[in-house]
Amino acid sequence: MGKKAFLFSEKKSPFPLPAWACFFLTFLLTLALSLAYFSPNLLAQDSQDQLKAPNHLAKAKPRLISLYAADTEILLRLGARDQLVGISRQETYEGPETKDWQRPPSFSIHDDVEKFLALAPDYVLIRPMHLAASPALFQTLEKTGIKIWSRQCTQAKDLYDFWRELGEITGKQDQVQTMIEDFQTKIAALTYQDPDPAQNQRPGVFLEAIHKEVKTFTPDSIPVWLLSLAGGRNVADDSRPTRPGQIVANYGPERLLEKADQVEVFVSQEGPMNKVDLKTIKESKIYSVMPAFKNNRVYRIPEELISRPSPSLVEGLELLKAMIHPQN
């Protein structure tokens, strides 16, 4: 009773402090201990977040080498022209995006590692067939920190996801969505409308992939999807892929001749996969019994307009529709 209470001890301090000063010192000590505890954890969390962050977020405009013409076209349409530091030797796309374009160096899977490294790309965009043909090249590039993006889109259901991935890489997500919406609008406007769907009176069409071996396309492929949108009936709907994941199918002359009377329209793709000319096709004796050859309804269509997963498929659909339904 009667003794005065002190903050730390009952002994009198040689430098007695007022109560408010003791409270302030206690607050400062508590704050310092809190910062010492939490700061390392915050820094560690920040480091983890940086490690988890996608590469395209770390670098706003990654440098790209594209070895597939479809990828290049999509990137050009998205406005990523300045990010392309290398392109393939099979580029065919011409549009507003290529006006006054100083094309970058061309590349192939046969080039050496040093040529790729000299341009310091962040990504090399390829197809699985490139990876299978030159695994050592791409493994070496990947070891240097270059990202290898290997994709192939063969079905219409995967088309938009394929484009979105390229949009993610380049930071062009908004442009991708606009491109998709524009594509969908154009496709819908061009799609053939059956006057009487119940009658199923669509002309029979054989879509030739490779003339020399009488190859066609698989039923779930993008070219056959376009054929259906254009108002045709795929005569080779029983075709199967040559190998898993491929859209080209062996068909052979015997199977085709069994359905010869159904082939009212014959369309052959024109490009690196099928370099035969129209005159040679028309003079093929095995085809002469088909209505398409008797009625001169044999056509060629550029490969890049029906086989590449790009917005140019709109032009392919327009051409196919004119071939199958010239009266519309």
C-alpha atoms as a PDB file:
ATOM      1  CA  MET A   1       0.000   0.000   0.000  1.00  0.00           C
ATOM      2  CA  GLY A   2       1.276   3.455  -0.808  1.00  0.00           C
ATOM      3  CA  LYS A   3       4.091   2.263  -3.063  1.00  0.00           C
ATOM      4  CA  LYS A   4       4.277   3.794  -6.571  1.00  0.00           C
ATOM      5  CA  ALA A   5       4.003   1.407  -9.568  1.00  0.00           C
ATOM      6  CA  PHE A   6       6.727   1.502 -12.269  1.00  0.00           C
ATOM      7  CA  LEU A   7       6.597   0.071 -15.776  1.00  0.00           C
ATOM      8  CA  PHE A   8       9.637  -2.276 -15.655  1.00  0.00           C
ATOM      9  CA  SER A   9      10.735  -2.425 -11.998  1.00  0.00           C
ATOM     10  CA  GLU A  10       9.884  -1.330  -8.559  1.00  0.00           C
ATOM     11  CA  LYS A  11      13.327   0.265  -8.275  1.00  0.00           C
ATOM     12  CA  LYS A  12      13.490   3.930  -9.006  1.00  0.00           C
ATOM     13  CA  SER A  13      15.088   4.783 -12.351  1.00  0.00           C
ATOM     14  CA  PRO A  14      17.854   7.406 -12.325  1.00  0.00           C
ATOM     15  CA  PHE A  15      16.055   8.868 -15.359  1.00  0.00           C
ATOM     16  CA  PRO A  16      12.368   8.597 -14.551  1.00  0.00           C
ATOM     17  CA  LEU A  17      10.105   8.808 -17.712  1.00  0.00           C
ATOM     18  CA  PRO A  18       6.610  10.148 -17.900  1.00  0.00           C
ATOM     19  CA  ALA A  19       3.850   7.619 -18.681  1.00  0.00           C
ATOM     20  CA  TRP A  20       3.297   8.907 -22.251  1.00  0.00           C
ATOM     21  CA  ALA A  21       6.991   8.384 -23.132  1.00  0.00           C
ATOM     22  CA  CYS A  22       6.945   4.828 -21.823  1.00  0.00           C
ATOM     23  CA  PHE A  23       3.863   4.088 -23.963  1.00  0.00           C
ATOM     24  CA  PHE A  24       5.522   5.599 -27.059  1.00  0.00           C
ATOM     25  CA  LEU A  25       8.715   3.541 -26.599  1.00  0.00           C
ATOM     26  CA  THR A  26       6.640   0.379 -26.168  1.00  0.00           C
ATOM     27  CA  PHE A  27       4.772   1.152 -29.419  1.00  0.00           C
ATOM     28  CA  LEU A  28       8.040   1.697 -31.347  1.00  0.00           C
ATOM     29  CA  LEU A  29       9.499  -1.566 -30.028  1.00  0.00           C
ATOM     30  CA  THR A  30       6.371  -3.508 -31.011  1.00  0.00           C
ATOM     31  CA  LEU A  31       6.391  -1.960 -34.523  1.00  0.00           C
ATOM     32  CA  ALA A  32      10.067  -2.820 -35.063  1.00  0.00           C
ATOM     33  CA  LEU A  33       9.500  -6.441 -34.041  1.00  0.00           C
ATOM     34  CA  SER A  34       6.486  -6.722 -36.353  1.00  0.00           C
ATOM     35  CA  LEU A  35       8.396  -5.407 -39.368  1.00  0.00           C
ATOM     36  CA  ALA A  36      11.290  -7.736 -38.657  1.00  0.00           C
ATOM     37  CA  TYR A  37       8.877 -10.692 -38.663  1.00  0.00           C
ATOM     38  CA  PHE A  38       6.675  -9.849 -41.631  1.00  0.00           C
ATOM     39  CA  SER A  39       9.104  -8.243 -44.098  1.00  0.00           C
ATOM     40  CA  PRO A  40      11.026 -11.424 -44.990  1.00  0.00           C
ATOM     41  CA  ASN A  41       7.738 -13.241 -45.570  1.00  0.00           C
ATOM     42  CA  LEU A  42       6.465 -10.494 -47.831  1.00  0.00           C
ATOM     43  CA  LEU A  43       9.697 -10.489 -49.818  1.00  0.00           C
ATOM     44  CA  ALA A  44       9.614 -14.257 -50.135  1.00  0.00           C
ATOM     45  CA  GLN A  45       6.008 -14.166 -51.376  1.00  0.00           C
ATOM     46  CA  ASP A  46       6.878 -11.471 -53.905  1.00  0.00           C
ATOM     47  CA  SER A  47       9.742 -13.604 -55.223  1.00  0.00           C
ATOM     48  CA  GLN A  48       7.443 -16.601 -55.558  1.00  0.00           C
ATOM     49  CA  ASP A  49       4.910 -14.544 -57.497  1.00  0.00           C
ATOM     50  CA  GLN A  50       7.623 -13.407 -59.890  1.00  0.00           C
ATOM     51  CA  LEU A  51       8.678 -17.000 -60.484  1.00  0.00           C
ATOM     52  CA  LYS A  52       5.072 -17.983 -61.207  1.00  0.00           C
ATOM     53  CA  ALA A  53       4.443 -15.042 -63.548  1.00  0.00           C
ATOM     54  CA  PRO A  54       4.052 -16.005 -67.233  1.00  0.00           C
ATOM     55  CA  ASN A  55       6.967 -15.038 -69.455  1.00  0.00           C
ATOM     56  CA  HIS A  56       4.835 -12.726 -71.630  1.00  0.00           C
ATOM     57  CA  LEU A  57       3.940 -10.652 -68.556  1.00  0.00           C
ATOM     58  CA  ALA A  58       7.602 -10.214 -67.683  1.00  0.00           C
ATOM     59  CA  LYS A  59       8.336  -8.906 -71.156  1.00  0.00           C
ATOM     60  CA  ALA A  60       5.692  -6.787 -72.881  1.00  0.00           C
ATOM     61  CA  LYS A  61       6.901  -7.404 -76.436  1.00  0.00           C
ATOM     62  CA  PRO A  62       8.688 -10.740 -76.792  1.00  0.00           C
ATOM     63  CA  ARG A  63      10.795 -11.285 -79.900  1.00  0.00           C
ATOM     64  CA  LEU A  64       9.428 -14.067 -82.115  1.00  0.00           C
ATOM     65  CA  ILE A  65      10.689 -16.378 -84.850  1.00  0.00           C
ATOM     66  CA  SER A  66       7.832 -18.096 -86.665  1.00  0.00           C
ATOM     67  CA  LEU A  67       8.491 -21.234 -88.702  1.00  0.00           C
ATOM     68  CA  TYR A  68       4.838 -21.736 -89.688  1.00  0.00           C
ATOM     69  CA  ALA A  69       3.135 -19.441 -92.194  1.00  0.00           C
ATOM     70  CA  ALA A  70      -0.237 -19.696 -90.406  1.00  0.00           C
ATOM     71  CA  ASP A  71       1.315 -18.428 -87.158  1.00  0.00           C
ATOM     72  CA  THR A  72       2.944 -15.573 -89.045  1.00  0.00           C
ATOM     73  CA  GLU A  73      -0.324 -14.538 -90.676  1.00  0.00           C
ATOM     74  CA  ILE A  74      -2.165 -14.535 -87.363  1.00  0.00           C
ATOM     75  CA  LEU A  75       0.570 -12.477 -85.696  1.00  0.00           C
ATOM     76  CA  LEU A  76       0.498  -9.962 -88.538  1.00  0.00           C
ATOM     77  CA  ARG A  77      -3.271  -9.633 -88.306  1.00  0.00           C
ATOM     78  CA  LEU A  78      -2.977  -9.100 -84.544  1.00  0.00           C
ATOM     79  CA  GLY A  79      -0.597  -6.187 -85.053  1.00  0.00           C
ATOM     80  CA  ALA A  80       2.536  -7.984 -83.803  1.00  0.00           C
ATOM     81  CA  ARG A  81       4.585  -7.282 -86.920  1.00  0.00           C
ATOM     82  CA  ASP A  82       7.303  -5.487 -84.979  1.00  0.00           C
ATOM     83  CA  GLN A  83       7.769  -8.544 -82.763  1.00  0.00           C
ATOM     84  CA  LEU A  84       8.603 -10.854 -85.670  1.00  0.00           C
ATOM     85  CA  VAL A  85      12.382 -11.045 -86.001  1.00  0.00           C
ATOM     86  CA  GLY A  86      12.340 -14.160 -88.194  1.00  0.00           C
ATOM     87  CA  ILE A  87       9.816 -15.927 -90.445  1.00  0.00           C
ATOM     88  CA  SER A  88       9.524 -19.139 -92.457  1.00  0.00           C
ATOM     89  CA  ARG A  89      10.385 -19.553 -96.130  1.00  0.00           C
ATOM     90  CA  GLN A  90       6.798 -20.474 -97.022  1.00  0.00           C
ATOM     91  CA  GLU A  91       5.128 -17.133 -96.311  1.00  0.00           C
ATOM     92  CA  THR A  92       2.264 -16.338 -98.704  1.00  0.00           C
ATOM     93  CA  TYR A  93       0.016 -13.955 -96.788  1.00  0.00           C
ATOM     94  CA  GLU A  94      -0.410 -10.501 -98.299  1.00  0.00           C
ATOM     95  CA  GLY A  95      -2.669  -7.934 -96.661  1.00  0.00           C
ATOM     96  CA  PRO A  96      -2.815  -4.424 -95.210  1.00  0.00           C
ATOM     97  CA  GLU A  97      -0.478  -5.609 -92.460  1.00  0.00           C
ATOM     98  CA  THR A  98       2.301  -6.428 -94.944  1.00  0.00           C
ATOM     99  CA  LYS A  99       2.301  -3.064 -96.709  1.00  0.00           C
ATOM    100  CA  ASP A 100       5.794  -1.511 -96.630  1.00  0.00           C
ATOM    101  CA  TRP A 101       6.955  -4.363 -94.411  1.00  0.00           C
ATOM    102  CA  GLN A 102      10.677  -4.934 -94.341  1.00  0.00           C
ATOM    103  CA  ARG A 103      10.503  -8.688 -94.022  1.00  0.00           C
ATOM    104  CA  PRO A 104      12.838 -10.153 -91.394  1.00  0.00           C
ATOM    105  CA  PRO A 105      15.305 -12.961 -92.199  1.00  0.00           C
ATOM    106  CA  SER A 106      13.834 -16.319 -93.188  1.00  0.00           C
ATOM    107  CA  PHE A 107      14.487 -19.490 -91.203  1.00  0.00           C
ATOM    108  CA  SER A 108      14.044 -23.231 -91.535  1.00  0.00           C
ATOM    109  CA  ILE A 109      14.706 -26.277 -89.390  1.00  0.00           C
ATOM    110  CA  HIS A 110      17.911 -26.806 -91.372  1.00  0.00           C
ATOM    111  CA  ASP A 111      19.542 -23.603 -90.086  1.00  0.00           C
ATOM    112  CA  ASP A 112      22.153 -23.867 -87.361  1.00  0.00           C
ATOM    113  CA  VAL A 113      21.683 -22.826 -83.750  1.00  0.00           C
ATOM    114  CA  GLU A 114      23.918 -19.765 -84.105  1.00  0.00           C
ATOM    115  CA  LYS A 115      21.603 -18.199 -86.700  1.00  0.00           C
ATOM    116  CA  PHE A 116      18.679 -18.409 -84.258  1.00  0.00           C
ATOM    117  CA  LEU A 117      20.722 -17.156 -81.289  1.00  0.00           C
ATOM    118  CA  ALA A 118      22.019 -14.180 -83.271  1.00  0.00           C
ATOM    119  CA  LEU A 119      18.526 -12.627 -83.255  1.00  0.00           C
ATOM    120  CA  ALA A 120      17.960 -13.272 -79.531  1.00  0.00           C
ATOM    121  CA  PRO A 121      14.346 -14.475 -79.806  1.00  0.00           C
ATOM    122  CA  ASP A 122      12.197 -15.066 -76.741  1.00  0.00           C
ATOM    123  CA  TYR A 123      10.022 -17.587 -78.597  1.00  0.00           C
ATOM    124  CA  VAL A 124      10.397 -19.865 -81.610  1.00  0.00           C
ATOM    125  CA  LEU A 125       6.985 -20.901 -82.966  1.00  0.00           C
ATOM    126  CA  ILE A 126       6.886 -24.269 -84.705  1.00  0.00           C
ATOM    127  CA  ARG A 127       4.655 -27.225 -85.605  1.00  0.00           C
ATOM    128  CA  PRO A 128       5.056 -30.692 -84.042  1.00  0.00           C
ATOM    129  CA  MET A 129       6.401 -31.950 -87.381  1.00  0.00           C
ATOM    130  CA  HIS A 130       9.309 -29.487 -87.039  1.00  0.00           C
ATOM    131  CA  LEU A 131      10.085 -30.801 -83.572  1.00  0.00           C
ATOM    132  CA  ALA A 132       9.991 -34.398 -84.787  1.00  0.00           C
ATOM    133  CA  ALA A 133      12.309 -33.597 -87.701  1.00  0.00           C
ATOM    134  CA  SER A 134      14.930 -31.608 -85.737  1.00  0.00           C
ATOM    135  CA  PRO A 135      14.643 -32.394 -82.025  1.00  0.00           C
ATOM    136  CA  ALA A 136      18.297 -31.577 -81.281  1.00  0.00           C
ATOM    137  CA  LEU A 137      17.956 -28.031 -82.681  1.00  0.00           C
ATOM    138  CA  PHE A 138      14.980 -27.125 -80.527  1.00  0.00           C
ATOM    139  CA  GLN A 139      16.304 -28.848 -77.420  1.00  0.00           C
ATOM    140  CA  THR A 140      19.501 -26.802 -77.717  1.00  0.00           C
ATOM    141  CA  LEU A 141      17.571 -23.562 -78.206  1.00  0.00           C
ATOM    142  CA  GLU A 142      15.416 -24.344 -75.195  1.00  0.00           C
ATOM    143  CA  LYS A 143      18.473 -24.892 -73.029  1.00  0.00           C
ATOM    144  CA  THR A 144      19.576 -21.323 -73.777  1.00  0.00           C
ATOM    145  CA  GLY A 145      16.307 -19.993 -72.334  1.00  0.00           C
ATOM    146  CA  ILE A 146      14.351 -19.619 -75.585  1.00  0.00           C
ATOM    147  CA  LYS A 147      10.776 -20.853 -75.322  1.00  0.00           C
ATOM    148  CA  ILE A 148       9.653 -23.339 -77.995  1.00  0.00           C
ATOM    149  CA  TRP A 149       5.924 -23.109 -78.788  1.00  0.00           C
ATOM    150  CA  SER A 150       4.906 -26.208 -80.748  1.00  0.00           C
ATOM    151  CA  ARG A 151       1.248 -26.387 -81.772  1.00  0.00           C
ATOM    152  CA  GLN A 152      -0.873 -27.757 -84.569  1.00  0.00           C
ATOM    153  CA  CYS A 153      -4.545 -26.950 -85.072  1.00  0.00           C
ATOM    154  CA  THR A 154      -6.349 -29.405 -87.344  1.00  0.00           C
ATOM    155  CA  GLN A 155      -9.976 -29.137 -86.222  1.00  0.00           C
ATOM    156  CA  ALA A 156     -12.395 -26.219 -86.255  1.00  0.00           C
ATOM    157  CA  LYS A 157     -13.271 -26.732 -82.585  1.00  0.00           C
ATOM    158  CA  ASP A 158      -9.683 -25.830 -81.617  1.00  0.00           C
ATOM    159  CA  LEU A 159      -9.328 -22.830 -83.904  1.00  0.00           C
ATOM    160  CA  TYR A 160     -10.109 -20.030 -81.464  1.00  0.00           C
ATOM    161  CA  ASP A 161      -8.016 -21.482 -78.627  1.00  0.00           C
ATOM    162  CA  PHE A 162      -5.109 -21.692 -81.069  1.00  0.00           C
ATOM    163  CA  TRP A 163      -5.480 -17.991 -81.861  1.00  0.00           C
ATOM    164  CA  ARG A 164      -5.899 -17.083 -78.180  1.00  0.00           C
ATOM    165  CA  GLU A 165      -2.613 -18.767 -77.271  1.00  0.00           C
ATOM    166  CA  LEU A 166      -0.809 -16.597 -79.820  1.00  0.00           C
ATOM    167  CA  GLY A 167      -2.610 -13.588 -78.374  1.00  0.00           C
ATOM    168  CA  GLU A 168      -1.361 -14.514 -74.898  1.00  0.00           C
ATOM    169  CA  ILE A 169       2.222 -14.804 -76.094  1.00  0.00           C
ATOM    170  CA  THR A 170       2.166 -11.398 -77.791  1.00  0.00           C
ATOM    171  CA  GLY A 171      -0.030  -9.573 -75.286  1.00  0.00           C
ATOM    172  CA  LYS A 172      -2.716  -9.064 -77.949  1.00  0.00           C
ATOM    173  CA  GLN A 173      -5.667 -10.623 -76.114  1.00  0.00           C
ATOM    174  CA  ASP A 174      -8.099  -7.838 -77.023  1.00  0.00           C
ATOM    175  CA  GLN A 175      -7.105  -7.976 -80.690  1.00  0.00           C
ATOM    176  CA  VAL A 176      -7.638 -11.752 -80.713  1.00  0.00           C
ATOM    177  CA  GLN A 177     -11.195 -11.390 -79.456  1.00  0.00           C
ATOM    178  CA  THR A 178     -11.941  -8.810 -82.134  1.00  0.00           C
ATOM    179  CA  MET A 179     -10.447 -11.099 -84.791  1.00  0.00           C
ATOM    180  CA  ILE A 180     -12.567 -14.044 -83.593  1.00  0.00           C
ATOM    181  CA  GLU A 181     -15.777 -12.028 -83.636  1.00  0.00           C
ATOM    182  CA  ASP A 182     -15.055 -10.680 -87.118  1.00  0.00           C
ATOM    183  CA  PHE A 183     -14.268 -14.200 -88.376  1.00  0.00           C
ATOM    184  CA  GLN A 184     -17.471 -15.629 -86.905  1.00  0.00           C
ATOM    185  CA  THR A 185     -19.563 -12.908 -88.512  1.00  0.00           C
ATOM    186  CA  LYS A 186     -18.046 -13.509 -91.954  1.00  0.00           C
ATOM    187  CA  ILE A 187     -18.320 -17.296 -91.693  1.00  0.00           C
ATOM    188  CA  ALA A 188     -21.976 -17.060 -90.675  1.00  0.00           C
ATOM    189  CA  ALA A 189     -22.744 -14.789 -93.646  1.00  0.00           C
ATOM    190  CA  LEU A 190     -21.098 -17.191 -96.128  1.00  0.00           C
ATOM    191  CA  THR A 191     -22.449 -20.481 -94.755  1.00  0.00           C
ATOM    192  CA  TYR A 192     -24.711 -22.247 -97.245  1.00  0.00           C
ATOM    193  CA  GLN A 193     -28.367 -22.535 -96.253  1.00  0.00           C
ATOM    194  CA  ASP A 194     -30.077 -25.699 -97.466  1.00  0.00           C
ATOM    195  CA  PRO A 195     -33.370 -24.789 -99.179  1.00  0.00           C
ATOM    196  CA  ASP A 196     -34.826 -28.111 -98.024  1.00  0.00           C
ATOM    197  CA  PRO A 197     -32.598 -29.834 -95.423  1.00  0.00           C
ATOM    198  CA  ALA A 198     -34.863 -32.896 -95.302  1.00  0.00           C
ATOM    199  CA  GLN A 199     -34.104 -33.704 -98.949  1.00  0.00           C
ATOM    200  CA  ASN A 200     -30.318 -33.841 -98.408  1.00  0.00           C
ATOM    201  CA  GLN A 201     -29.603 -32.778-101.977  1.00  0.00           C
ATOM    202  CA  ARG A 202     -26.111 -31.407-101.471  1.00  0.00           C
ATOM    203  CA  PRO A 203     -23.688 -32.130-104.331  1.00  0.00           C
ATOM    204  CA  GLY A 204     -21.109 -34.842-103.664  1.00  0.00           C
ATOM    205  CA  VAL A 205     -17.578 -33.419-103.443  1.00  0.00           C
ATOM    206  CA  PHE A 206     -14.191 -35.124-103.407  1.00  0.00           C
ATOM    207  CA  LEU A 207     -11.574 -32.918-101.781  1.00  0.00           C
ATOM    208  CA  GLU A 208      -8.132 -33.975-102.958  1.00  0.00           C
ATOM    209  CA  ALA A 209      -5.122 -33.413-100.681  1.00  0.00           C
ATOM    210  CA  ILE A 210      -2.401 -35.121-102.742  1.00  0.00           C
ATOM    211  CA  HIS A 211      -3.087 -36.119-106.347  1.00  0.00           C
ATOM    212  CA  LYS A 212      -0.223 -38.579-106.855  1.00  0.00           C
ATOM    213  CA  GLU A 213      -1.413 -40.976-104.162  1.00  0.00           C
ATOM    214  CA  VAL A 214      -5.141 -40.116-104.260  1.00  0.00           C
ATOM    215  CA  LYS A 215      -5.167 -38.755-100.735  1.00  0.00           C
ATOM    216  CA  THR A 216      -7.994 -36.766 -99.198  1.00  0.00           C
ATOM    217  CA  PHE A 217      -8.729 -35.148 -95.808  1.00  0.00           C
ATOM    218  CA  THR A 218     -10.101 -36.692 -92.627  1.00  0.00           C
ATOM    219  CA  PRO A 219     -13.798 -36.055 -91.827  1.00  0.00           C
ATOM    220  CA  ASP A 220     -12.964 -33.957 -88.729  1.00  0.00           C
ATOM    221  CA  SER A 221     -10.410 -31.747 -90.493  1.00  0.00           C
ATOM    222  CA  ILE A 222     -10.698 -28.016 -91.153  1.00  0.00           C
ATOM    223  CA  PRO A 223     -10.878 -28.463 -94.980  1.00  0.00           C
ATOM    224  CA  VAL A 224     -13.857 -30.832 -94.668  1.00  0.00           C
ATOM    225  CA  TRP A 225     -15.488 -28.457 -92.160  1.00  0.00           C
ATOM    226  CA  LEU A 226     -15.245 -25.717 -94.792  1.00  0.00           C
ATOM    227  CA  LEU A 227     -16.617 -28.058 -97.454  1.00  0.00           C
ATOM    228  CA  SER A 228     -19.699 -28.657 -95.306  1.00  0.00           C
ATOM    229  CA  LEU A 229     -20.188 -24.936 -94.600  1.00  0.00           C
ATOM    230  CA  ALA A 230     -19.952 -24.319 -98.363  1.00  0.00           C
ATOM    231  CA  GLY A 231     -22.894 -26.663 -98.980  1.00  0.00           C
ATOM    232  CA  GLY A 232     -21.098 -29.779-100.150  1.00  0.00           C
ATOM    233  CA  ARG A 233     -21.360 -33.433 -99.115  1.00  0.00           C
ATOM    234  CA  ASN A 234     -18.029 -35.119 -98.414  1.00  0.00           C
ATOM    235  CA  VAL A 235     -17.877 -38.238-100.608  1.00  0.00           C
ATOM    236  CA  ALA A 236     -14.860 -39.552 -98.664  1.00  0.00           C
ATOM    237  CA  ASP A 237     -16.547 -39.441 -95.261  1.00  0.00           C
ATOM    238  CA  ASP A 238     -15.121 -42.893 -94.514  1.00  0.00           C
ATOM    239  CA  SER A 239     -11.478 -41.744 -94.744  1.00  0.00           C
ATOM    240  CA  ARG A 240      -9.051 -42.257 -91.859  1.00  0.00           C
ATOM    241  CA  PRO A 241      -5.813 -40.388 -91.037  1.00  0.00           C
ATOM    242  CA  THR A 242      -2.538 -41.719 -92.402  1.00  0.00           C
ATOM    243  CA  ARG A 243      -1.071 -41.309 -88.904  1.00  0.00           C
ATOM    244  CA  PRO A 244      -2.621 -40.149 -85.600  1.00  0.00           C
ATOM    245  CA  GLY A 245      -2.987 -36.378 -85.473  1.00  0.00           C
ATOM    246  CA  GLN A 246      -2.779 -35.898 -89.245  1.00  0.00           C
ATOM    247  CA  ILE A 247      -5.537 -34.485 -91.433  1.00  0.00           C
ATOM    248  CA  VAL A 248      -4.386 -36.200 -94.639  1.00  0.00           C
ATOM    249  CA  ALA A 249      -5.848 -39.643 -95.332  1.00  0.00           C
ATOM    250  CA  ASN A 250      -4.953 -42.376 -97.786  1.00  0.00           C
ATOM    251  CA  TYR A 251      -7.930 -43.135 -99.992  1.00  0.00           C
ATOM    252  CA  GLY A 252      -6.664 -44.733-103.176  1.00  0.00           C
ATOM    253  CA  PRO A 253      -8.154 -44.959-106.672  1.00  0.00           C
ATOM    254  CA  GLU A 254     -10.120 -48.156-106.012  1.00  0.00           C
ATOM    255  CA  ARG A 255     -12.167 -46.735-103.153  1.00  0.00           C
ATOM    256  CA  LEU A 256     -12.727 -43.506-105.026  1.00  0.00           C
ATOM    257  CA  LEU A 257     -13.904 -45.294-108.166  1.00  0.00           C
ATOM    258  CA  GLU A 258     -16.433 -47.229-106.095  1.00  0.00           C
ATOM    259  CA  LYS A 259     -18.056 -43.851-105.412  1.00  0.00           C
ATOM    260  CA  ALA A 260     -17.325 -42.354-108.844  1.00  0.00           C
ATOM    261  CA  ASP A 261     -20.989 -41.646-109.618  1.00  0.00           C
ATOM    262  CA  GLN A 262     -21.271 -39.518-106.444  1.00  0.00           C
ATOM    263  CA  VAL A 263     -18.434 -37.114-107.315  1.00  0.00           C
ATOM    264  CA  GLU A 264     -20.254 -34.127-108.817  1.00  0.00           C
ATOM    265  CA  VAL A 265     -17.539 -31.647-107.857  1.00  0.00           C
ATOM    266  CA  PHE A 266     -13.795 -32.365-107.655  1.00  0.00           C
ATOM    267  CA  VAL A 267     -11.597 -29.894-105.762  1.00  0.00           C
ATOM    268  CA  SER A 268      -7.828 -30.295-105.453  1.00  0.00           C
ATOM    269  CA  GLN A 269      -5.695 -28.192-103.139  1.00  0.00           C
ATOM    270  CA  GLU A 270      -2.798 -26.320-104.718  1.00  0.00           C
ATOM    271  CA  GLY A 271       0.445 -25.764-102.842  1.00  0.00           C
ATOM    272  CA  PRO A 272       3.634 -27.389-101.514  1.00  0.00           C
ATOM    273  CA  MET A 273       1.764 -30.563-100.575  1.00  0.00           C
ATOM    274  CA  ASN A 274       0.212 -30.926-104.028  1.00  0.00           C
ATOM    275  CA  LYS A 275       2.087 -29.317-106.908  1.00  0.00           C
ATOM    276  CA  VAL A 276       0.216 -30.991-109.766  1.00  0.00           C
ATOM    277  CA  ASP A 277      -1.418 -28.641-112.297  1.00  0.00           C
ATOM    278  CA  LEU A 278      -5.103 -28.589-113.281  1.00  0.00           C
ATOM    279  CA  LYS A 279      -4.434 -29.913-116.814  1.00  0.00           C
ATOM    280  CA  THR A 280      -2.771 -33.043-115.427  1.00  0.00           C
ATOM    281  CA  ILE A 281      -5.695 -33.660-113.071  1.00  0.00           C
ATOM    282  CA  LYS A 282      -8.264 -33.295-115.836  1.00  0.00           C
ATOM    283  CA  GLU A 283      -6.360 -35.726-118.073  1.00  0.00           C
ATOM    284  CA  SER A 284      -6.298 -38.490-115.425  1.00  0.00           C
ATOM    285  CA  LYS A 285      -8.029 -41.461-117.040  1.00  0.00           C
ATOM    286  CA  ILE A 286      -9.193 -43.021-113.791  1.00  0.00           C
ATOM    287  CA  TYR A 287     -11.231 -39.898-113.047  1.00  0.00           C
ATOM    288  CA  SER A 288     -12.897 -39.593-116.448  1.00  0.00           C
ATOM    289  CA  VAL A 289     -15.996 -41.592-115.408  1.00  0.00           C
ATOM    290  CA  MET A 290     -16.921 -39.106-112.668  1.00  0.00           C
ATOM    291  CA  PRO A 291     -19.731 -36.576-113.315  1.00  0.00           C
ATOM    292  CA  ALA A 292     -17.387 -33.810-112.154  1.00  0.00           C
ATOM    293  CA  PHE A 293     -14.989 -34.537-115.045  1.00  0.00           C
ATOM    294  CA  LYS A 294     -17.762 -35.063-117.579  1.00  0.00           C
ATOM    295  CA  ASN A 295     -19.339 -31.724-116.654  1.00  0.00           C
ATOM    296  CA  ASN A 296     -16.060 -29.800-116.273  1.00  0.00           C
ATOM    297  CA  ARG A 297     -16.506 -29.171-112.561  1.00  0.00           C
ATOM    298  CA  VAL A 298     -12.899 -29.771-111.594  1.00  0.00           C
ATOM    299  CA  TYR A 299     -11.182 -27.009-109.605  1.00  0.00           C
ATOM    300  CA  ARG A 300      -8.015 -26.013-107.801  1.00  0.00           C
ATOM    301  CA  ILE A 301      -7.938 -24.065-104.540  1.00  0.00           C
ATOM    302  CA  PRO A 302      -4.877 -22.611-102.732  1.00  0.00           C
ATOM    303  CA  GLU A 303      -3.713 -24.763 -99.851  1.00  0.00           C
ATOM    304  CA  GLU A 304      -3.291 -21.765 -97.556  1.00  0.00           C
ATOM    305  CA  LEU A 305      -7.013 -20.962 -97.843  1.00  0.00           C
ATOM    306  CA  ILE A 306      -8.321 -24.337 -96.656  1.00  0.00           C
ATOM    307  CA  SER A 307      -5.559 -26.110 -94.708  1.00  0.00           C
ATOM    308  CA  ARG A 308      -4.001 -23.392 -92.553  1.00  0.00           C
ATOM    309  CA  PRO A 309      -5.782 -22.467 -89.296  1.00  0.00           C
ATOM    310  CA  SER A 310      -5.892 -18.739 -90.035  1.00  0.00           C
ATOM    311  CA  PRO A 311      -8.541 -16.091 -90.790  1.00  0.00           C
ATOM    312  CA  SER A 312      -7.874 -16.669 -94.509  1.00  0.00           C
ATOM    313  CA  LEU A 313     -10.251 -19.630 -94.176  1.00  0.00           C
ATOM    314  CA  VAL A 314     -12.992 -17.074 -94.905  1.00  0.00           C
ATOM    315  CA  GLU A 315     -11.622 -16.704 -98.431  1.00  0.00           C
ATOM    316  CA  GLY A 316     -11.423 -20.479 -98.746  1.00  0.00           C
ATOM    317  CA  LEU A 317     -15.058 -20.846 -97.781  1.00  0.00           C
ATOM    318  CA  GLU A 318     -16.079 -18.205-100.292  1.00  0.00           C
ATOM    319  CA  LEU A 319     -14.208 -19.984-103.113  1.00  0.00           C
ATOM    320  CA  LEU A 320     -15.538 -23.433-102.196  1.00  0.00           C
ATOM    321  CA  LYS A 321     -19.095 -22.165-102.079  1.00  0.00           C
ATOM    322  CA  ALA A 322     -18.726 -20.631-105.555  1.00  0.00           C
ATOM    323  CA  MET A 323     -17.396 -23.952-106.882  1.00  0.00           C
ATOM    324  CA  ILE A 324     -20.107 -26.093-105.319  1.00  0.00           C
ATOM    325  CA  HIS A 325     -23.047 -23.703-105.750  1.00  0.00           C
ATOM    326  CA  PRO A 326     -22.124 -21.354-108.612  1.00  0.00           C
ATOM    327  CA  GLN A 327     -25.733 -20.246-108.970  1.00  0.00           C
ATOM    328  CA  ASN A 328     -25.822 -18.690-105.472  1.00  0.00           C
END
